Amino acid sequence: MSSDSSGAREFAGFPTLFREGESRHQPLVFLHGSNQDEFSLLDFAREAAPAHPTYCPRGREPSDASFTFFRRRTDRSIDEVNLTDRAAELSQLLLIIGQRHGEPALLIGFSSGAIMAAALTARHTALLSGAVLLRPEKPFTQNCFPDLAGTPFLLVSGENDERRERLDAVGVVDQLRAAGAAVEWHELACSHGFDPEGGDRMLTRAWLAKRGL
């Protein structure tokens, strides 16, 4: 497949920007944060994984003038029923991508997109091969991950994150490791947004290369 082949279409009802990339690389699904859309992670995808087949879907929940992948309650807690339902819908996109490429996708989620990636890991494990969780938080109150023996995960948190506590990342790391996942965790000297020094991009690109993905 040519890395120049790209476009926009619906997959499983999700408006999605995609680039076919090179068939020797694993497909990647980029999940944006709240108040964002399918365009939000395009530059990050090009910089972190220029040769990979990439898919950037739009979340279905309204979020101010844009979108997100699930609802939060007015107290900012996660609506776990809504998250479960939206994850089930998004799993159909993962199923299509897996069929198109002959292998499960790896997820790369930022902020609420990272929470959705973790929820998909918990509820639809067979449809993905691992994840990069940027500014992670536990998707469900209870420990939710099945056996993930050897499944690779990269987690990146911000030391000065105004939307997360350090324990948010610690909780996800501990649960993934307890499930047997192969976890790499980094803390960057930045806030909730992407590291202005490019740390998120460089860590993601190096992690993908190191694993031959």
N, C-alpha and C. Protein backbone atom coordinates (compact mmCIF):
# COMPACT_ATOMS: atom_id res chain seq x y z
N MET A 1 0.84 -1.19 0.00
CA MET A 1 0.00 0.00 0.00
C MET A 1 0.88 1.25 0.00
N SER A 2 0.39 2.29 -0.62
CA SER A 2 1.16 3.53 -0.69
C SER A 2 0.84 4.43 0.48
N SER A 3 1.87 5.07 1.04
CA SER A 3 1.66 5.98 2.15
C SER A 3 0.98 7.27 1.68
N ASP A 4 0.84 7.48 0.34
CA ASP A 4 0.19 8.67 -0.17
C ASP A 4 -1.32 8.51 -0.29
N SER A 5 -1.82 7.27 -0.13
CA SER A 5 -3.24 7.01 -0.26
C SER A 5 -3.95 7.42 1.03
N SER A 6 -4.84 8.40 0.93
CA SER A 6 -5.51 8.88 2.13
C SER A 6 -6.87 9.42 1.74
N GLY A 7 -7.67 9.72 2.75
CA GLY A 7 -8.98 10.25 2.46
C GLY A 7 -9.83 10.36 3.70
N ALA A 8 -11.12 10.54 3.50
CA ALA A 8 -12.08 10.65 4.59
C ALA A 8 -13.33 9.86 4.19
N ARG A 9 -13.82 9.05 5.11
CA ARG A 9 -15.04 8.28 4.86
C ARG A 9 -15.58 7.81 6.20
N GLU A 10 -16.73 7.18 6.18
CA GLU A 10 -17.29 6.61 7.39
C GLU A 10 -16.91 5.14 7.51
N PHE A 11 -16.47 4.77 8.69
CA PHE A 11 -16.24 3.38 9.04
C PHE A 11 -17.14 3.08 10.24
N ALA A 12 -18.04 2.12 10.10
CA ALA A 12 -18.97 1.76 11.18
C ALA A 12 -19.74 2.98 11.69
N GLY A 13 -20.01 3.93 10.79
CA GLY A 13 -20.76 5.12 11.16
C GLY A 13 -19.94 6.23 11.78
N PHE A 14 -18.61 6.07 11.86
CA PHE A 14 -17.75 7.10 12.42
C PHE A 14 -17.05 7.85 11.28
N PRO A 15 -17.29 9.17 11.13
CA PRO A 15 -16.50 9.93 10.18
C PRO A 15 -15.02 9.80 10.54
N THR A 16 -14.21 9.39 9.58
CA THR A 16 -12.83 9.01 9.86
C THR A 16 -11.89 9.51 8.78
N LEU A 17 -10.81 10.14 9.18
CA LEU A 17 -9.72 10.45 8.28
C LEU A 17 -8.76 9.28 8.31
N PHE A 18 -8.27 8.86 7.15
CA PHE A 18 -7.38 7.70 7.13
C PHE A 18 -6.26 7.88 6.12
N ARG A 19 -5.16 7.21 6.41
CA ARG A 19 -4.03 7.10 5.48
C ARG A 19 -3.64 5.64 5.42
N GLU A 20 -3.57 5.08 4.23
CA GLU A 20 -3.30 3.65 4.09
C GLU A 20 -1.92 3.27 4.60
N GLY A 21 -0.92 4.13 4.40
CA GLY A 21 0.41 3.82 4.90
C GLY A 21 1.03 2.62 4.20
N GLU A 22 2.01 2.03 4.85
CA GLU A 22 2.72 0.88 4.31
C GLU A 22 2.22 -0.39 4.97
N SER A 23 1.92 -1.40 4.15
CA SER A 23 1.28 -2.61 4.66
C SER A 23 2.16 -3.39 5.63
N ARG A 24 3.49 -3.13 5.63
CA ARG A 24 4.37 -3.85 6.56
C ARG A 24 4.21 -3.33 7.99
N HIS A 25 3.55 -2.18 8.15
CA HIS A 25 3.35 -1.61 9.47
C HIS A 25 1.94 -1.89 9.99
N GLN A 26 1.84 -1.94 11.30
CA GLN A 26 0.55 -2.19 11.96
C GLN A 26 -0.37 -0.98 11.84
N PRO A 27 -1.68 -1.20 11.65
CA PRO A 27 -2.60 -0.06 11.63
C PRO A 27 -2.74 0.58 13.02
N LEU A 28 -2.86 1.90 13.02
CA LEU A 28 -3.00 2.66 14.25
C LEU A 28 -4.31 3.44 14.22
N VAL A 29 -4.98 3.49 15.36
CA VAL A 29 -6.21 4.28 15.50
C VAL A 29 -5.95 5.37 16.52
N PHE A 30 -6.11 6.63 16.11
CA PHE A 30 -5.86 7.78 16.97
C PHE A 30 -7.18 8.31 17.50
N LEU A 31 -7.31 8.38 18.83
CA LEU A 31 -8.54 8.80 19.49
C LEU A 31 -8.32 10.15 20.16
N HIS A 32 -9.03 11.15 19.68
CA HIS A 32 -8.83 12.53 20.14
C HIS A 32 -9.41 12.76 21.53
N GLY A 33 -9.09 13.91 22.11
CA GLY A 33 -9.60 14.29 23.41
C GLY A 33 -10.93 15.01 23.31
N SER A 34 -11.43 15.50 24.45
CA SER A 34 -12.69 16.24 24.46
C SER A 34 -12.52 17.60 23.79
N ASN A 35 -13.64 18.11 23.28
CA ASN A 35 -13.65 19.39 22.54
C ASN A 35 -12.74 19.33 21.32
N GLN A 36 -12.62 18.16 20.71
CA GLN A 36 -11.78 17.99 19.53
C GLN A 36 -12.55 17.20 18.48
N ASP A 37 -11.86 16.87 17.38
CA ASP A 37 -12.50 16.11 16.32
C ASP A 37 -11.46 15.28 15.58
N GLU A 38 -11.86 14.70 14.44
CA GLU A 38 -10.99 13.78 13.72
C GLU A 38 -9.75 14.45 13.15
N PHE A 39 -9.74 15.78 13.07
CA PHE A 39 -8.57 16.49 12.56
C PHE A 39 -7.52 16.76 13.64
N SER A 40 -7.91 16.64 14.90
CA SER A 40 -7.07 17.14 16.00
C SER A 40 -5.73 16.43 16.14
N LEU A 41 -5.67 15.14 15.82
CA LEU A 41 -4.43 14.39 16.00
C LEU A 41 -3.72 14.09 14.68
N LEU A 42 -4.14 14.74 13.60
CA LEU A 42 -3.52 14.48 12.30
C LEU A 42 -2.03 14.78 12.30
N ASP A 43 -1.65 15.95 12.79
CA ASP A 43 -0.23 16.32 12.80
C ASP A 43 0.56 15.38 13.69
N PHE A 44 0.00 15.06 14.85
CA PHE A 44 0.69 14.13 15.75
C PHE A 44 0.88 12.78 15.07
N ALA A 45 -0.14 12.30 14.37
CA ALA A 45 -0.05 11.01 13.68
C ALA A 45 1.04 11.04 12.61
N ARG A 46 1.11 12.13 11.84
CA ARG A 46 2.13 12.23 10.79
C ARG A 46 3.53 12.26 11.38
N GLU A 47 3.69 12.93 12.52
CA GLU A 47 5.01 13.07 13.11
C GLU A 47 5.44 11.83 13.87
N ALA A 48 4.51 11.19 14.57
CA ALA A 48 4.86 10.05 15.41
C ALA A 48 4.90 8.74 14.64
N ALA A 49 4.10 8.63 13.58
CA ALA A 49 3.99 7.35 12.87
C ALA A 49 3.79 7.60 11.38
N PRO A 50 4.77 8.19 10.70
CA PRO A 50 4.57 8.63 9.31
C PRO A 50 4.31 7.51 8.31
N ALA A 51 4.77 6.29 8.59
CA ALA A 51 4.62 5.21 7.61
C ALA A 51 3.46 4.26 7.92
N HIS A 52 2.84 4.42 9.07
CA HIS A 52 1.79 3.49 9.48
C HIS A 52 0.45 3.79 8.81
N PRO A 53 -0.35 2.76 8.52
CA PRO A 53 -1.76 3.00 8.23
C PRO A 53 -2.40 3.65 9.46
N THR A 54 -3.08 4.76 9.27
CA THR A 54 -3.64 5.49 10.41
C THR A 54 -5.11 5.81 10.17
N TYR A 55 -5.86 5.78 11.27
CA TYR A 55 -7.29 6.09 11.25
C TYR A 55 -7.57 7.07 12.38
N CYS A 56 -8.25 8.17 12.05
CA CYS A 56 -8.61 9.18 13.05
C CYS A 56 -10.11 9.37 13.03
N PRO A 57 -10.86 8.64 13.86
CA PRO A 57 -12.32 8.78 13.88
C PRO A 57 -12.77 9.95 14.75
N ARG A 58 -13.98 10.41 14.51
CA ARG A 58 -14.61 11.47 15.30
C ARG A 58 -15.50 10.85 16.37
N GLY A 59 -15.34 11.30 17.61
CA GLY A 59 -16.23 10.84 18.67
C GLY A 59 -17.67 11.24 18.43
N ARG A 60 -18.60 10.51 19.04
CA ARG A 60 -20.03 10.74 18.78
C ARG A 60 -20.72 11.63 19.82
N GLU A 61 -20.05 11.89 20.93
CA GLU A 61 -20.67 12.72 21.96
C GLU A 61 -20.36 14.20 21.72
N PRO A 62 -21.37 15.08 21.72
CA PRO A 62 -21.10 16.52 21.62
C PRO A 62 -20.25 16.99 22.79
N SER A 63 -19.35 17.92 22.52
CA SER A 63 -18.48 18.47 23.56
C SER A 63 -18.22 19.93 23.21
N ASP A 64 -18.96 20.84 23.87
CA ASP A 64 -18.97 22.25 23.47
C ASP A 64 -19.32 22.33 21.99
N ALA A 65 -18.47 22.96 21.19
CA ALA A 65 -18.76 23.08 19.76
C ALA A 65 -18.15 21.93 18.97
N SER A 66 -17.59 20.95 19.65
CA SER A 66 -16.91 19.86 18.95
C SER A 66 -17.39 18.52 19.49
N PHE A 67 -16.45 17.56 19.71
CA PHE A 67 -16.85 16.20 20.02
C PHE A 67 -15.93 15.56 21.05
N THR A 68 -16.42 14.45 21.62
CA THR A 68 -15.62 13.60 22.48
C THR A 68 -16.15 12.17 22.30
N PHE A 69 -15.53 11.19 22.97
CA PHE A 69 -15.91 9.80 22.76
C PHE A 69 -16.89 9.27 23.80
N PHE A 70 -17.08 9.98 24.91
CA PHE A 70 -18.02 9.53 25.94
C PHE A 70 -18.39 10.73 26.80
N ARG A 71 -19.41 10.55 27.63
CA ARG A 71 -19.88 11.63 28.48
C ARG A 71 -19.25 11.59 29.86
N ARG A 72 -19.08 12.75 30.43
CA ARG A 72 -18.82 12.90 31.86
C ARG A 72 -20.05 13.51 32.51
N ARG A 73 -20.22 13.21 33.80
CA ARG A 73 -21.32 13.81 34.55
C ARG A 73 -20.95 15.25 34.91
N THR A 74 -21.89 15.97 35.49
CA THR A 74 -21.64 17.37 35.82
C THR A 74 -20.53 17.53 36.85
N ASP A 75 -20.28 16.49 37.66
CA ASP A 75 -19.18 16.56 38.62
C ASP A 75 -17.85 16.10 38.02
N ARG A 76 -17.84 15.88 36.70
CA ARG A 76 -16.66 15.48 35.93
C ARG A 76 -16.31 14.00 36.09
N SER A 77 -17.10 13.24 36.84
CA SER A 77 -16.87 11.80 36.89
C SER A 77 -17.31 11.16 35.58
N ILE A 78 -16.75 9.99 35.28
CA ILE A 78 -17.04 9.31 34.03
C ILE A 78 -18.39 8.61 34.11
N ASP A 79 -19.21 8.82 33.09
CA ASP A 79 -20.48 8.09 32.97
C ASP A 79 -20.13 6.71 32.41
N GLU A 80 -19.99 5.73 33.30
CA GLU A 80 -19.47 4.42 32.89
C GLU A 80 -20.43 3.66 31.99
N VAL A 81 -21.73 3.87 32.15
CA VAL A 81 -22.69 3.22 31.25
C VAL A 81 -22.53 3.77 29.84
N ASN A 82 -22.45 5.09 29.73
CA ASN A 82 -22.25 5.71 28.43
C ASN A 82 -20.93 5.29 27.81
N LEU A 83 -19.88 5.24 28.62
CA LEU A 83 -18.57 4.82 28.13
C LEU A 83 -18.62 3.39 27.59
N THR A 84 -19.29 2.50 28.32
CA THR A 84 -19.41 1.12 27.87
C THR A 84 -20.15 1.03 26.54
N ASP A 85 -21.25 1.79 26.42
CA ASP A 85 -22.03 1.77 25.19
C ASP A 85 -21.23 2.34 24.02
N ARG A 86 -20.55 3.44 24.23
CA ARG A 86 -19.77 4.05 23.16
C ARG A 86 -18.58 3.18 22.77
N ALA A 87 -18.00 2.50 23.73
CA ALA A 87 -16.90 1.58 23.41
C ALA A 87 -17.40 0.43 22.53
N ALA A 88 -18.60 -0.06 22.82
CA ALA A 88 -19.17 -1.13 22.00
C ALA A 88 -19.36 -0.67 20.56
N GLU A 89 -19.82 0.57 20.38
CA GLU A 89 -19.98 1.12 19.03
C GLU A 89 -18.63 1.26 18.33
N LEU A 90 -17.66 1.79 19.04
CA LEU A 90 -16.34 2.01 18.44
C LEU A 90 -15.64 0.69 18.14
N SER A 91 -15.98 -0.36 18.88
CA SER A 91 -15.36 -1.66 18.62
C SER A 91 -15.67 -2.15 17.21
N GLN A 92 -16.80 -1.71 16.64
CA GLN A 92 -17.14 -2.12 15.28
C GLN A 92 -16.19 -1.51 14.26
N LEU A 93 -15.71 -0.31 14.54
CA LEU A 93 -14.69 0.29 13.69
C LEU A 93 -13.39 -0.51 13.77
N LEU A 94 -13.02 -0.93 14.98
CA LEU A 94 -11.81 -1.75 15.15
C LEU A 94 -11.94 -3.07 14.41
N LEU A 95 -13.13 -3.63 14.43
CA LEU A 95 -13.36 -4.89 13.72
C LEU A 95 -13.13 -4.70 12.22
N ILE A 96 -13.65 -3.62 11.65
CA ILE A 96 -13.47 -3.34 10.23
C ILE A 96 -12.00 -3.12 9.89
N ILE A 97 -11.30 -2.37 10.72
CA ILE A 97 -9.89 -2.10 10.47
C ILE A 97 -9.08 -3.40 10.54
N GLY A 98 -9.38 -4.23 11.52
CA GLY A 98 -8.69 -5.51 11.62
C GLY A 98 -8.90 -6.36 10.39
N GLN A 99 -10.10 -6.34 9.84
CA GLN A 99 -10.40 -7.10 8.63
C GLN A 99 -9.69 -6.51 7.42
N ARG A 100 -9.62 -5.20 7.36
CA ARG A 100 -8.95 -4.55 6.21
C ARG A 100 -7.46 -4.86 6.16
N HIS A 101 -6.83 -4.97 7.34
CA HIS A 101 -5.37 -5.10 7.39
C HIS A 101 -4.90 -6.48 7.81
N GLY A 102 -5.81 -7.34 8.19
CA GLY A 102 -5.43 -8.69 8.56
C GLY A 102 -4.77 -8.81 9.92
N GLU A 103 -4.89 -7.78 10.74
CA GLU A 103 -4.33 -7.80 12.11
C GLU A 103 -5.01 -6.72 12.93
N PRO A 104 -5.06 -6.88 14.25
CA PRO A 104 -5.70 -5.87 15.09
C PRO A 104 -4.92 -4.57 15.09
N ALA A 105 -5.64 -3.48 15.28
CA ALA A 105 -5.01 -2.16 15.36
C ALA A 105 -4.41 -1.93 16.74
N LEU A 106 -3.47 -1.00 16.79
CA LEU A 106 -2.96 -0.48 18.05
C LEU A 106 -3.57 0.90 18.25
N LEU A 107 -4.02 1.21 19.46
CA LEU A 107 -4.71 2.46 19.74
C LEU A 107 -3.75 3.50 20.31
N ILE A 108 -3.93 4.74 19.89
CA ILE A 108 -3.18 5.86 20.46
C ILE A 108 -4.20 6.91 20.85
N GLY A 109 -4.40 7.08 22.16
CA GLY A 109 -5.43 7.98 22.66
C GLY A 109 -4.86 9.10 23.50
N PHE A 110 -5.41 10.30 23.31
CA PHE A 110 -5.01 11.46 24.10
C PHE A 110 -6.16 11.89 25.00
N SER A 111 -5.90 12.06 26.31
CA SER A 111 -6.85 12.56 27.27
C SER A 111 -8.11 11.67 27.30
N SER A 112 -9.29 12.19 26.96
CA SER A 112 -10.47 11.32 26.98
C SER A 112 -10.35 10.21 25.94
N GLY A 113 -9.57 10.44 24.89
CA GLY A 113 -9.29 9.37 23.94
C GLY A 113 -8.48 8.25 24.55
N ALA A 114 -7.60 8.60 25.50
CA ALA A 114 -6.84 7.57 26.23
C ALA A 114 -7.76 6.77 27.14
N ILE A 115 -8.74 7.43 27.73
CA ILE A 115 -9.72 6.72 28.56
C ILE A 115 -10.53 5.76 27.71
N MET A 116 -10.94 6.21 26.52
CA MET A 116 -11.68 5.33 25.62
C MET A 116 -10.80 4.15 25.19
N ALA A 117 -9.53 4.41 24.90
CA ALA A 117 -8.63 3.31 24.52
C ALA A 117 -8.52 2.28 25.64
N ALA A 118 -8.45 2.76 26.89
CA ALA A 118 -8.40 1.84 28.02
C ALA A 118 -9.71 1.07 28.17
N ALA A 119 -10.84 1.74 27.92
CA ALA A 119 -12.13 1.06 27.99
C ALA A 119 -12.24 -0.02 26.92
N LEU A 120 -11.75 0.26 25.71
CA LEU A 120 -11.75 -0.75 24.65
C LEU A 120 -10.84 -1.92 25.03
N THR A 121 -9.72 -1.62 25.66
CA THR A 121 -8.84 -2.68 26.14
C THR A 121 -9.57 -3.58 27.13
N ALA A 122 -10.36 -2.98 28.00
CA ALA A 122 -11.07 -3.73 29.02
C ALA A 122 -12.22 -4.56 28.46
N ARG A 123 -12.96 -4.00 27.52
CA ARG A 123 -14.20 -4.62 27.07
C ARG A 123 -14.10 -5.35 25.73
N HIS A 124 -13.10 -5.00 24.91
CA HIS A 124 -13.01 -5.57 23.56
C HIS A 124 -11.55 -5.91 23.25
N THR A 125 -10.96 -6.64 24.15
CA THR A 125 -9.52 -6.90 24.13
C THR A 125 -9.03 -7.51 22.82
N ALA A 126 -9.79 -8.43 22.28
CA ALA A 126 -9.33 -9.17 21.09
C ALA A 126 -9.22 -8.31 19.85
N LEU A 127 -9.83 -7.10 19.87
CA LEU A 127 -9.85 -6.26 18.68
C LEU A 127 -8.69 -5.29 18.62
N LEU A 128 -7.78 -5.34 19.58
CA LEU A 128 -6.64 -4.43 19.58
C LEU A 128 -5.39 -5.16 20.02
N SER A 129 -4.25 -4.58 19.72
CA SER A 129 -2.98 -5.26 20.03
C SER A 129 -2.13 -4.49 21.03
N GLY A 130 -2.69 -3.47 21.65
CA GLY A 130 -1.95 -2.66 22.60
C GLY A 130 -2.38 -1.21 22.47
N ALA A 131 -1.74 -0.32 23.23
CA ALA A 131 -2.17 1.07 23.18
C ALA A 131 -1.09 2.01 23.70
N VAL A 132 -1.17 3.23 23.21
CA VAL A 132 -0.42 4.36 23.77
C VAL A 132 -1.45 5.26 24.44
N LEU A 133 -1.29 5.48 25.74
CA LEU A 133 -2.24 6.26 26.52
C LEU A 133 -1.56 7.54 26.97
N LEU A 134 -1.93 8.65 26.38
CA LEU A 134 -1.35 9.96 26.68
C LEU A 134 -2.29 10.70 27.62
N ARG A 135 -1.85 11.00 28.84
CA ARG A 135 -2.64 11.59 29.93
C ARG A 135 -3.75 10.63 30.36
N PRO A 136 -3.37 9.45 30.84
CA PRO A 136 -4.36 8.40 31.12
C PRO A 136 -5.14 8.62 32.41
N GLU A 137 -6.26 7.92 32.48
CA GLU A 137 -7.10 7.86 33.68
C GLU A 137 -7.87 6.54 33.60
N LYS A 138 -8.16 5.93 34.74
CA LYS A 138 -8.89 4.66 34.74
C LYS A 138 -10.27 4.86 34.13
N PRO A 139 -10.67 3.95 33.23
CA PRO A 139 -11.98 4.10 32.60
C PRO A 139 -13.14 3.70 33.51
N PHE A 140 -12.90 2.76 34.39
CA PHE A 140 -13.95 2.24 35.26
C PHE A 140 -13.46 2.22 36.70
N THR A 141 -14.39 2.36 37.62
CA THR A 141 -14.03 2.41 39.03
C THR A 141 -13.38 1.11 39.48
N GLN A 142 -13.95 -0.01 39.05
CA GLN A 142 -13.42 -1.30 39.44
C GLN A 142 -12.30 -1.74 38.49
N ASN A 143 -11.39 -2.54 39.02
CA ASN A 143 -10.33 -3.11 38.18
C ASN A 143 -10.99 -3.89 37.04
N CYS A 144 -10.67 -3.53 35.82
CA CYS A 144 -11.49 -3.99 34.70
C CYS A 144 -10.74 -4.78 33.64
N PHE A 145 -9.43 -4.89 33.74
CA PHE A 145 -8.68 -5.47 32.64
C PHE A 145 -8.60 -7.00 32.73
N PRO A 146 -8.83 -7.69 31.62
CA PRO A 146 -8.67 -9.14 31.59
C PRO A 146 -7.20 -9.50 31.48
N ASP A 147 -6.91 -10.75 31.23
CA ASP A 147 -5.52 -11.19 31.04
C ASP A 147 -4.94 -10.50 29.81
N LEU A 148 -3.86 -9.74 30.01
CA LEU A 148 -3.20 -9.01 28.93
C LEU A 148 -1.76 -9.46 28.75
N ALA A 149 -1.50 -10.71 29.03
CA ALA A 149 -0.13 -11.22 29.07
C ALA A 149 0.71 -10.76 27.88
N GLY A 150 1.69 -9.91 28.16
CA GLY A 150 2.64 -9.45 27.16
C GLY A 150 2.14 -8.35 26.24
N THR A 151 0.89 -7.94 26.36
CA THR A 151 0.35 -6.89 25.48
C THR A 151 1.06 -5.57 25.78
N PRO A 152 1.56 -4.87 24.76
CA PRO A 152 2.37 -3.67 25.01
C PRO A 152 1.53 -2.41 25.22
N PHE A 153 1.96 -1.60 26.20
CA PHE A 153 1.33 -0.32 26.48
C PHE A 153 2.40 0.72 26.79
N LEU A 154 2.23 1.90 26.22
CA LEU A 154 3.03 3.07 26.58
C LEU A 154 2.10 4.07 27.23
N LEU A 155 2.46 4.53 28.42
CA LEU A 155 1.69 5.57 29.10
C LEU A 155 2.57 6.79 29.30
N VAL A 156 2.02 7.96 29.02
CA VAL A 156 2.76 9.21 29.18
C VAL A 156 1.88 10.20 29.93
N SER A 157 2.35 10.64 31.08
CA SER A 157 1.61 11.61 31.88
C SER A 157 2.40 12.90 31.99
N GLY A 158 1.73 13.97 32.44
CA GLY A 158 2.37 15.27 32.61
C GLY A 158 2.54 15.60 34.08
N GLU A 159 3.74 15.98 34.47
CA GLU A 159 4.01 16.28 35.88
C GLU A 159 3.17 17.46 36.38
N ASN A 160 2.83 18.38 35.48
CA ASN A 160 2.08 19.58 35.87
C ASN A 160 0.68 19.58 35.27
N ASP A 161 0.13 18.39 35.11
CA ASP A 161 -1.19 18.23 34.50
C ASP A 161 -2.27 18.81 35.41
N GLU A 162 -2.97 19.84 34.92
CA GLU A 162 -4.00 20.48 35.71
C GLU A 162 -5.31 19.71 35.71
N ARG A 163 -5.44 18.66 34.88
CA ARG A 163 -6.67 17.88 34.82
C ARG A 163 -6.52 16.48 35.41
N ARG A 164 -5.34 16.11 35.77
CA ARG A 164 -5.10 14.76 36.29
C ARG A 164 -4.28 14.84 37.57
N GLU A 165 -4.51 13.87 38.45
CA GLU A 165 -3.64 13.64 39.59
C GLU A 165 -2.60 12.60 39.19
N ARG A 166 -1.45 12.61 39.84
CA ARG A 166 -0.44 11.60 39.51
C ARG A 166 -1.00 10.19 39.74
N LEU A 167 -1.87 10.04 40.73
CA LEU A 167 -2.45 8.74 41.02
C LEU A 167 -3.33 8.21 39.89
N ASP A 168 -3.81 9.11 39.01
CA ASP A 168 -4.60 8.64 37.87
C ASP A 168 -3.75 7.75 36.98
N ALA A 169 -2.54 8.20 36.66
CA ALA A 169 -1.63 7.38 35.85
C ALA A 169 -1.17 6.15 36.61
N VAL A 170 -0.85 6.33 37.89
CA VAL A 170 -0.39 5.21 38.71
C VAL A 170 -1.44 4.10 38.73
N GLY A 171 -2.71 4.49 38.88
CA GLY A 171 -3.78 3.50 38.94
C GLY A 171 -3.87 2.67 37.67
N VAL A 172 -3.75 3.33 36.51
CA VAL A 172 -3.81 2.60 35.24
C VAL A 172 -2.59 1.70 35.08
N VAL A 173 -1.41 2.23 35.40
CA VAL A 173 -0.17 1.43 35.30
C VAL A 173 -0.28 0.19 36.17
N ASP A 174 -0.72 0.35 37.41
CA ASP A 174 -0.80 -0.78 38.34
C ASP A 174 -1.79 -1.83 37.84
N GLN A 175 -2.94 -1.39 37.33
CA GLN A 175 -3.93 -2.35 36.87
C GLN A 175 -3.46 -3.09 35.62
N LEU A 176 -2.82 -2.38 34.70
CA LEU A 176 -2.31 -3.04 33.49
C LEU A 176 -1.22 -4.05 33.84
N ARG A 177 -0.33 -3.67 34.73
CA ARG A 177 0.74 -4.60 35.11
C ARG A 177 0.18 -5.81 35.85
N ALA A 178 -0.84 -5.59 36.68
CA ALA A 178 -1.47 -6.71 37.37
C ALA A 178 -2.13 -7.68 36.39
N ALA A 179 -2.53 -7.16 35.22
CA ALA A 179 -3.14 -8.01 34.20
C ALA A 179 -2.09 -8.67 33.31
N GLY A 180 -0.81 -8.39 33.57
CA GLY A 180 0.27 -9.04 32.82
C GLY A 180 0.75 -8.28 31.61
N ALA A 181 0.28 -7.05 31.41
CA ALA A 181 0.70 -6.26 30.26
C ALA A 181 2.15 -5.82 30.39
N ALA A 182 2.78 -5.58 29.25
CA ALA A 182 4.14 -5.03 29.20
C ALA A 182 4.02 -3.51 29.14
N VAL A 183 4.26 -2.84 30.27
CA VAL A 183 3.97 -1.42 30.41
C VAL A 183 5.24 -0.60 30.50
N GLU A 184 5.28 0.47 29.70
CA GLU A 184 6.34 1.48 29.80
C GLU A 184 5.65 2.80 30.15
N TRP A 185 6.14 3.47 31.19
CA TRP A 185 5.49 4.70 31.67
C TRP A 185 6.52 5.81 31.77
N HIS A 186 6.15 6.98 31.26
CA HIS A 186 7.01 8.16 31.33
C HIS A 186 6.20 9.34 31.86
N GLU A 187 6.87 10.19 32.64
CA GLU A 187 6.29 11.46 33.07
C GLU A 187 7.10 12.59 32.44
N LEU A 188 6.39 13.50 31.80
CA LEU A 188 7.03 14.64 31.16
C LEU A 188 6.78 15.90 31.98
N ALA A 189 7.72 16.83 31.90
CA ALA A 189 7.60 18.10 32.63
C ALA A 189 6.71 19.05 31.84
N CYS A 190 5.41 18.71 31.76
CA CYS A 190 4.47 19.52 31.00
C CYS A 190 3.11 19.46 31.66
N SER A 191 2.16 20.17 31.08
CA SER A 191 0.80 20.19 31.61
C SER A 191 -0.04 19.14 30.88
N HIS A 192 -1.36 19.37 30.82
CA HIS A 192 -2.23 18.36 30.21
C HIS A 192 -2.04 18.27 28.69
N GLY A 193 -1.76 19.38 28.06
CA GLY A 193 -1.56 19.38 26.62
C GLY A 193 -0.26 18.69 26.24
N PHE A 194 -0.07 18.55 24.93
CA PHE A 194 1.15 17.92 24.46
C PHE A 194 2.38 18.69 24.92
N ASP A 195 3.44 17.96 25.22
CA ASP A 195 4.70 18.55 25.64
C ASP A 195 5.21 19.49 24.55
N PRO A 196 5.44 20.77 24.85
CA PRO A 196 5.92 21.70 23.83
C PRO A 196 7.31 21.36 23.31
N GLU A 197 8.04 20.52 24.05
CA GLU A 197 9.36 20.08 23.59
C GLU A 197 9.27 18.84 22.70
N GLY A 198 8.07 18.37 22.44
CA GLY A 198 7.90 17.24 21.55
C GLY A 198 8.05 15.88 22.20
N GLY A 199 8.04 15.83 23.54
CA GLY A 199 8.26 14.57 24.24
C GLY A 199 7.25 13.49 23.92
N ASP A 200 5.97 13.85 23.82
CA ASP A 200 4.94 12.85 23.52
C ASP A 200 5.19 12.21 22.16
N ARG A 201 5.47 13.05 21.19
CA ARG A 201 5.72 12.54 19.84
C ARG A 201 6.96 11.65 19.80
N MET A 202 8.05 12.12 20.42
CA MET A 202 9.30 11.35 20.36
C MET A 202 9.19 10.03 21.11
N LEU A 203 8.53 10.03 22.26
CA LEU A 203 8.36 8.78 23.01
C LEU A 203 7.50 7.79 22.24
N THR A 204 6.43 8.29 21.63
CA THR A 204 5.55 7.40 20.86
C THR A 204 6.29 6.81 19.67
N ARG A 205 6.99 7.66 18.95
CA ARG A 205 7.71 7.17 17.76
C ARG A 205 8.79 6.17 18.14
N ALA A 206 9.54 6.47 19.20
CA ALA A 206 10.60 5.55 19.63
C ALA A 206 10.04 4.23 20.13
N TRP A 207 8.92 4.29 20.84
CA TRP A 207 8.29 3.07 21.36
C TRP A 207 7.80 2.18 20.24
N LEU A 208 7.17 2.77 19.24
CA LEU A 208 6.72 2.00 18.09
C LEU A 208 7.91 1.36 17.36
N ALA A 209 8.98 2.13 17.17
CA ALA A 209 10.15 1.61 16.47
C ALA A 209 10.82 0.49 17.27
N LYS A 210 10.90 0.68 18.57
CA LYS A 210 11.56 -0.31 19.42
C LYS A 210 10.85 -1.65 19.38
N ARG A 211 9.56 -1.61 19.25
CA ARG A 211 8.79 -2.84 19.22
C ARG A 211 8.58 -3.36 17.80
N GLY A 212 9.13 -2.67 16.84
CA GLY A 212 9.01 -3.12 15.46
C GLY A 212 7.59 -3.06 14.93
N LEU A 213 6.80 -2.14 15.46
CA LEU A 213 5.38 -2.05 15.09
C LEU A 213 5.18 -1.16 13.87
